[in-house]
Amino acid sequence: MSSPDPIRRYTVQDYLSLPDDVRCELIHGQVYDMTPTPSLDHQEVVGALYAALRDESARGRHGGGGSCRVFVAPVDVVLSRDTVVQPDVVVVCDPAKTADRQRVQGAPDLVVEVLSPSTSIKDRREKRALYEAHGVPEYLIVDPAERYAEYFRLGADHRYG
């Protein structure tokens, strides 16, 4: 497939056939461009969060009894047949979700999105609703420019509180 058609609804198979140099996510069949490349501030925050979560996971402090794995972007997270996202950092405690050794299949235990000017609305609105609907237990949004974070935990009602 060449570059994505903005009107067509795509599937995971279509997404996987895109050229390697196309940086995008697939949300409910719609392709979302992920350019430009993140800023150095963004990448520094992502790296620090990845290292901290990896260290905590190794100590068994993020559930899973030390069996959780931490991944940093780009890593595909397949949530449904028409949705593939690439969060900045993900924690996965269920080994079955990483069994194919290619991508995460299903909802991670924690998703971290570090905001960029070009993605902040999508991360706050579309992705928050997406992660909530797919049962991601914890969602962390970090804004490096404004120096704050928002943390959401899935409640008994299956909604973020």
C-alpha atoms as a PDB file:
ATOM      1  CA  MET A   1       0.000   0.000   0.000  1.00  0.00           C
ATOM      2  CA  SER A   2       1.272   3.497  -0.735  1.00  0.00           C
ATOM      3  CA  SER A   3       0.526   6.463   1.498  1.00  0.00           C
ATOM      4  CA  PRO A   4      -2.753   6.238   3.456  1.00  0.00           C
ATOM      5  CA  ASP A   5      -6.041   7.472   2.007  1.00  0.00           C
ATOM      6  CA  PRO A   6      -7.679   9.717   4.657  1.00  0.00           C
ATOM      7  CA  ILE A   7     -11.204   8.561   3.750  1.00  0.00           C
ATOM      8  CA  ARG A   8     -10.681   4.786   3.712  1.00  0.00           C
ATOM      9  CA  ARG A   9     -11.042   2.686   6.892  1.00  0.00           C
ATOM     10  CA  TYR A  10      -7.942   0.577   7.463  1.00  0.00           C
ATOM     11  CA  THR A  11      -7.329  -2.668   9.356  1.00  0.00           C
ATOM     12  CA  VAL A  12      -4.318  -3.907  11.301  1.00  0.00           C
ATOM     13  CA  GLN A  13      -3.273  -5.900   8.206  1.00  0.00           C
ATOM     14  CA  ASP A  14      -3.325  -2.697   6.129  1.00  0.00           C
ATOM     15  CA  TYR A  15      -1.322  -0.914   8.812  1.00  0.00           C
ATOM     16  CA  LEU A  16       1.299  -3.675   8.876  1.00  0.00           C
ATOM     17  CA  SER A  17       1.721  -3.382   5.094  1.00  0.00           C
ATOM     18  CA  LEU A  18       2.573   0.333   5.210  1.00  0.00           C
ATOM     19  CA  PRO A  19       6.144   1.255   4.226  1.00  0.00           C
ATOM     20  CA  ASP A  20       8.586   1.296   7.155  1.00  0.00           C
ATOM     21  CA  ASP A  21       9.210   5.027   6.753  1.00  0.00           C
ATOM     22  CA  VAL A  22       5.528   5.896   7.364  1.00  0.00           C
ATOM     23  CA  ARG A  23       5.177   6.864  11.046  1.00  0.00           C
ATOM     24  CA  CYS A  24       1.520   6.611  12.004  1.00  0.00           C
ATOM     25  CA  GLU A  25      -1.077   5.099  14.295  1.00  0.00           C
ATOM     26  CA  LEU A  26      -4.374   3.488  13.399  1.00  0.00           C
ATOM     27  CA  ILE A  27      -7.374   4.442  15.535  1.00  0.00           C
ATOM     28  CA  HIS A  28     -10.790   3.004  14.654  1.00  0.00           C
ATOM     29  CA  GLY A  29      -9.647   2.490  11.069  1.00  0.00           C
ATOM     30  CA  GLN A  30      -8.334   6.042  10.615  1.00  0.00           C
ATOM     31  CA  VAL A  31      -4.631   6.701  10.027  1.00  0.00           C
ATOM     32  CA  TYR A  32      -3.045   9.400  12.197  1.00  0.00           C
ATOM     33  CA  ASP A  33       0.306  10.822  11.125  1.00  0.00           C
ATOM     34  CA  MET A  34       3.010  10.878  13.832  1.00  0.00           C
ATOM     35  CA  THR A  35       5.401  13.388  12.323  1.00  0.00           C
ATOM     36  CA  PRO A  36       7.303  15.518  13.118  1.00  0.00           C
ATOM     37  CA  THR A  37       9.939  13.738  15.180  1.00  0.00           C
ATOM     38  CA  PRO A  38       9.554  14.408  18.931  1.00  0.00           C
ATOM     39  CA  SER A  39      11.636  17.142  20.574  1.00  0.00           C
ATOM     40  CA  LEU A  40      14.673  16.429  22.709  1.00  0.00           C
ATOM     41  CA  ASP A  41      12.703  17.445  25.839  1.00  0.00           C
ATOM     42  CA  HIS A  42      10.040  14.901  24.903  1.00  0.00           C
ATOM     43  CA  GLN A  43      12.629  12.170  24.388  1.00  0.00           C
ATOM     44  CA  GLU A  44      14.412  12.986  27.632  1.00  0.00           C
ATOM     45  CA  VAL A  45      11.157  12.600  29.595  1.00  0.00           C
ATOM     46  CA  VAL A  46      10.333   9.360  27.767  1.00  0.00           C
ATOM     47  CA  GLY A  47      13.784   7.968  28.567  1.00  0.00           C
ATOM     48  CA  ALA A  48      13.565   8.894  32.244  1.00  0.00           C
ATOM     49  CA  LEU A  49      10.095   7.361  32.607  1.00  0.00           C
ATOM     50  CA  TYR A  50      11.159   4.205  30.801  1.00  0.00           C
ATOM     51  CA  ALA A  51      14.203   3.781  33.072  1.00  0.00           C
ATOM     52  CA  ALA A  52      12.195   4.408  36.257  1.00  0.00           C
ATOM     53  CA  LEU A  53       9.399   2.017  35.240  1.00  0.00           C
ATOM     54  CA  ARG A  54      11.881  -0.648  34.132  1.00  0.00           C
ATOM     55  CA  ASP A  55      13.655  -0.439  37.493  1.00  0.00           C
ATOM     56  CA  GLU A  56      10.360  -0.614  39.421  1.00  0.00           C
ATOM     57  CA  SER A  57       9.160  -3.507  37.293  1.00  0.00           C
ATOM     58  CA  ALA A  58      12.383  -5.429  37.902  1.00  0.00           C
ATOM     59  CA  ARG A  59      11.721  -5.056  41.629  1.00  0.00           C
ATOM     60  CA  GLY A  60       8.164  -6.354  41.139  1.00  0.00           C
ATOM     61  CA  ARG A  61       6.581  -3.086  42.267  1.00  0.00           C
ATOM     62  CA  HIS A  62       4.228  -2.639  39.330  1.00  0.00           C
ATOM     63  CA  GLY A  63       2.193  -5.781  39.836  1.00  0.00           C
ATOM     64  CA  GLY A  64       2.892  -9.014  38.033  1.00  0.00           C
ATOM     65  CA  GLY A  65       5.377 -10.192  40.679  1.00  0.00           C
ATOM     66  CA  GLY A  66       8.359  -8.892  38.718  1.00  0.00           C
ATOM     67  CA  SER A  67       7.188 -10.414  35.434  1.00  0.00           C
ATOM     68  CA  CYS A  68       6.157  -7.100  33.895  1.00  0.00           C
ATOM     69  CA  ARG A  69       8.015  -5.846  30.847  1.00  0.00           C
ATOM     70  CA  VAL A  70       8.504  -2.213  29.904  1.00  0.00           C
ATOM     71  CA  PHE A  71       8.726  -1.062  26.293  1.00  0.00           C
ATOM     72  CA  VAL A  72       9.558   2.315  24.784  1.00  0.00           C
ATOM     73  CA  ALA A  73       8.312   3.692  21.455  1.00  0.00           C
ATOM     74  CA  PRO A  74       8.173   2.722  18.761  1.00  0.00           C
ATOM     75  CA  VAL A  75       6.273  -0.400  19.757  1.00  0.00           C
ATOM     76  CA  ASP A  76       2.951  -1.385  18.206  1.00  0.00           C
ATOM     77  CA  VAL A  77       0.068  -2.018  20.589  1.00  0.00           C
ATOM     78  CA  VAL A  78      -2.792  -3.787  18.814  1.00  0.00           C
ATOM     79  CA  LEU A  79      -6.062  -3.048  20.600  1.00  0.00           C
ATOM     80  CA  SER A  80      -8.518  -4.302  17.966  1.00  0.00           C
ATOM     81  CA  ARG A  81      -8.702  -5.276  14.312  1.00  0.00           C
ATOM     82  CA  ASP A  82      -8.705  -1.584  13.305  1.00  0.00           C
ATOM     83  CA  THR A  83      -6.592   0.026  16.045  1.00  0.00           C
ATOM     84  CA  VAL A  84      -2.820   0.058  16.496  1.00  0.00           C
ATOM     85  CA  VAL A  85      -1.156   2.710  18.634  1.00  0.00           C
ATOM     86  CA  GLN A  86       2.438   3.496  19.552  1.00  0.00           C
ATOM     87  CA  PRO A  87       2.451   4.929  23.067  1.00  0.00           C
ATOM     88  CA  ASP A  88       5.674   6.450  24.360  1.00  0.00           C
ATOM     89  CA  VAL A  89       6.043   3.850  27.122  1.00  0.00           C
ATOM     90  CA  VAL A  90       4.017   0.729  27.958  1.00  0.00           C
ATOM     91  CA  VAL A  91       4.115  -1.771  30.805  1.00  0.00           C
ATOM     92  CA  VAL A  92       2.826  -5.275  30.069  1.00  0.00           C
ATOM     93  CA  CYS A  93       2.485  -7.866  32.850  1.00  0.00           C
ATOM     94  CA  ASP A  94       0.705 -10.634  30.905  1.00  0.00           C
ATOM     95  CA  PRO A  95       3.297 -12.654  28.926  1.00  0.00           C
ATOM     96  CA  ALA A  96       0.601 -13.830  26.488  1.00  0.00           C
ATOM     97  CA  LYS A  97       0.276 -10.254  25.208  1.00  0.00           C
ATOM     98  CA  THR A  98       3.905 -10.239  24.032  1.00  0.00           C
ATOM     99  CA  ALA A  99       4.142 -13.894  22.969  1.00  0.00           C
ATOM    100  CA  ASP A 100       4.533 -13.137  19.251  1.00  0.00           C
ATOM    101  CA  ARG A 101       7.684 -11.079  20.037  1.00  0.00           C
ATOM    102  CA  GLN A 102       6.597  -8.491  17.440  1.00  0.00           C
ATOM    103  CA  ARG A 103       4.018  -6.273  19.113  1.00  0.00           C
ATOM    104  CA  VAL A 104       1.759  -6.026  22.156  1.00  0.00           C
ATOM    105  CA  GLN A 105      -1.557  -7.791  21.567  1.00  0.00           C
ATOM    106  CA  GLY A 106      -4.230  -6.269  23.804  1.00  0.00           C
ATOM    107  CA  ALA A 107      -4.374  -3.671  26.537  1.00  0.00           C
ATOM    108  CA  PRO A 108      -1.114  -2.983  28.388  1.00  0.00           C
ATOM    109  CA  ASP A 109      -1.231  -2.571  32.181  1.00  0.00           C
ATOM    110  CA  LEU A 110       0.085   0.990  31.945  1.00  0.00           C
ATOM    111  CA  VAL A 111       0.307   3.390  29.009  1.00  0.00           C
ATOM    112  CA  VAL A 112       2.362   6.590  29.131  1.00  0.00           C
ATOM    113  CA  GLU A 113       1.956   9.361  26.581  1.00  0.00           C
ATOM    114  CA  VAL A 114       4.352  12.313  26.701  1.00  0.00           C
ATOM    115  CA  LEU A 115       2.669  15.249  25.034  1.00  0.00           C
ATOM    116  CA  SER A 116       3.995  16.986  21.941  1.00  0.00           C
ATOM    117  CA  PRO A 117       2.355  20.074  20.440  1.00  0.00           C
ATOM    118  CA  SER A 118       1.245  18.054  17.417  1.00  0.00           C
ATOM    119  CA  THR A 119      -0.305  15.179  19.448  1.00  0.00           C
ATOM    120  CA  SER A 120      -1.593  16.663  22.697  1.00  0.00           C
ATOM    121  CA  ILE A 121      -5.252  16.930  21.654  1.00  0.00           C
ATOM    122  CA  LYS A 122      -5.268  13.368  20.290  1.00  0.00           C
ATOM    123  CA  ASP A 123      -3.541  12.038  23.436  1.00  0.00           C
ATOM    124  CA  ARG A 124      -5.967  13.820  25.778  1.00  0.00           C
ATOM    125  CA  ARG A 125      -9.162  13.088  23.889  1.00  0.00           C
ATOM    126  CA  GLU A 126      -9.074  10.203  21.390  1.00  0.00           C
ATOM    127  CA  LYS A 127      -6.417   8.129  23.095  1.00  0.00           C
ATOM    128  CA  ARG A 128      -7.792   8.600  26.592  1.00  0.00           C
ATOM    129  CA  ALA A 129     -11.202   7.373  25.408  1.00  0.00           C
ATOM    130  CA  LEU A 130      -9.559   4.562  23.452  1.00  0.00           C
ATOM    131  CA  TYR A 131      -7.493   3.316  26.395  1.00  0.00           C
ATOM    132  CA  GLU A 132     -10.488   3.543  28.703  1.00  0.00           C
ATOM    133  CA  ALA A 133     -12.712   1.598  26.270  1.00  0.00           C
ATOM    134  CA  HIS A 134     -10.091  -1.130  25.837  1.00  0.00           C
ATOM    135  CA  GLY A 135      -9.568  -1.568  29.565  1.00  0.00           C
ATOM    136  CA  VAL A 136      -6.073  -0.131  30.026  1.00  0.00           C
ATOM    137  CA  PRO A 137      -5.908  -0.059  33.859  1.00  0.00           C
ATOM    138  CA  GLU A 138      -3.587   2.950  34.140  1.00  0.00           C
ATOM    139  CA  TYR A 139      -2.944   5.889  31.812  1.00  0.00           C
ATOM    140  CA  LEU A 140      -0.345   8.582  32.464  1.00  0.00           C
ATOM    141  CA  ILE A 141      -0.138  11.771  30.400  1.00  0.00           C
ATOM    142  CA  VAL A 142       2.984  13.887  30.905  1.00  0.00           C
ATOM    143  CA  ASP A 143       3.348  17.448  29.624  1.00  0.00           C
ATOM    144  CA  PRO A 144       7.073  18.316  29.489  1.00  0.00           C
ATOM    145  CA  ALA A 145       6.434  21.933  28.429  1.00  0.00           C
ATOM    146  CA  GLU A 146       4.063  22.724  31.300  1.00  0.00           C
ATOM    147  CA  ARG A 147       5.855  20.328  33.692  1.00  0.00           C
ATOM    148  CA  TYR A 148       2.874  18.349  34.982  1.00  0.00           C
ATOM    149  CA  ALA A 149       1.306  14.921  34.678  1.00  0.00           C
ATOM    150  CA  GLU A 150      -2.233  13.549  34.698  1.00  0.00           C
ATOM    151  CA  TYR A 151      -2.803  10.037  36.041  1.00  0.00           C
ATOM    152  CA  PHE A 152      -5.920   8.002  35.323  1.00  0.00           C
ATOM    153  CA  ARG A 153      -6.868   4.673  36.917  1.00  0.00           C
ATOM    154  CA  LEU A 154      -9.706   2.504  35.662  1.00  0.00           C
ATOM    155  CA  GLY A 155     -12.400   2.229  38.304  1.00  0.00           C
ATOM    156  CA  ALA A 156     -14.874  -0.526  39.088  1.00  0.00           C
ATOM    157  CA  ASP A 157     -17.245   1.178  36.622  1.00  0.00           C
ATOM    158  CA  HIS A 158     -14.612   0.705  33.847  1.00  0.00           C
ATOM    159  CA  ARG A 159     -14.137   4.472  33.596  1.00  0.00           C
ATOM    160  CA  TYR A 160     -11.111   6.590  34.339  1.00  0.00           C
ATOM    161  CA  GLY A 161     -11.303   8.476  37.571  1.00  0.00           C
END
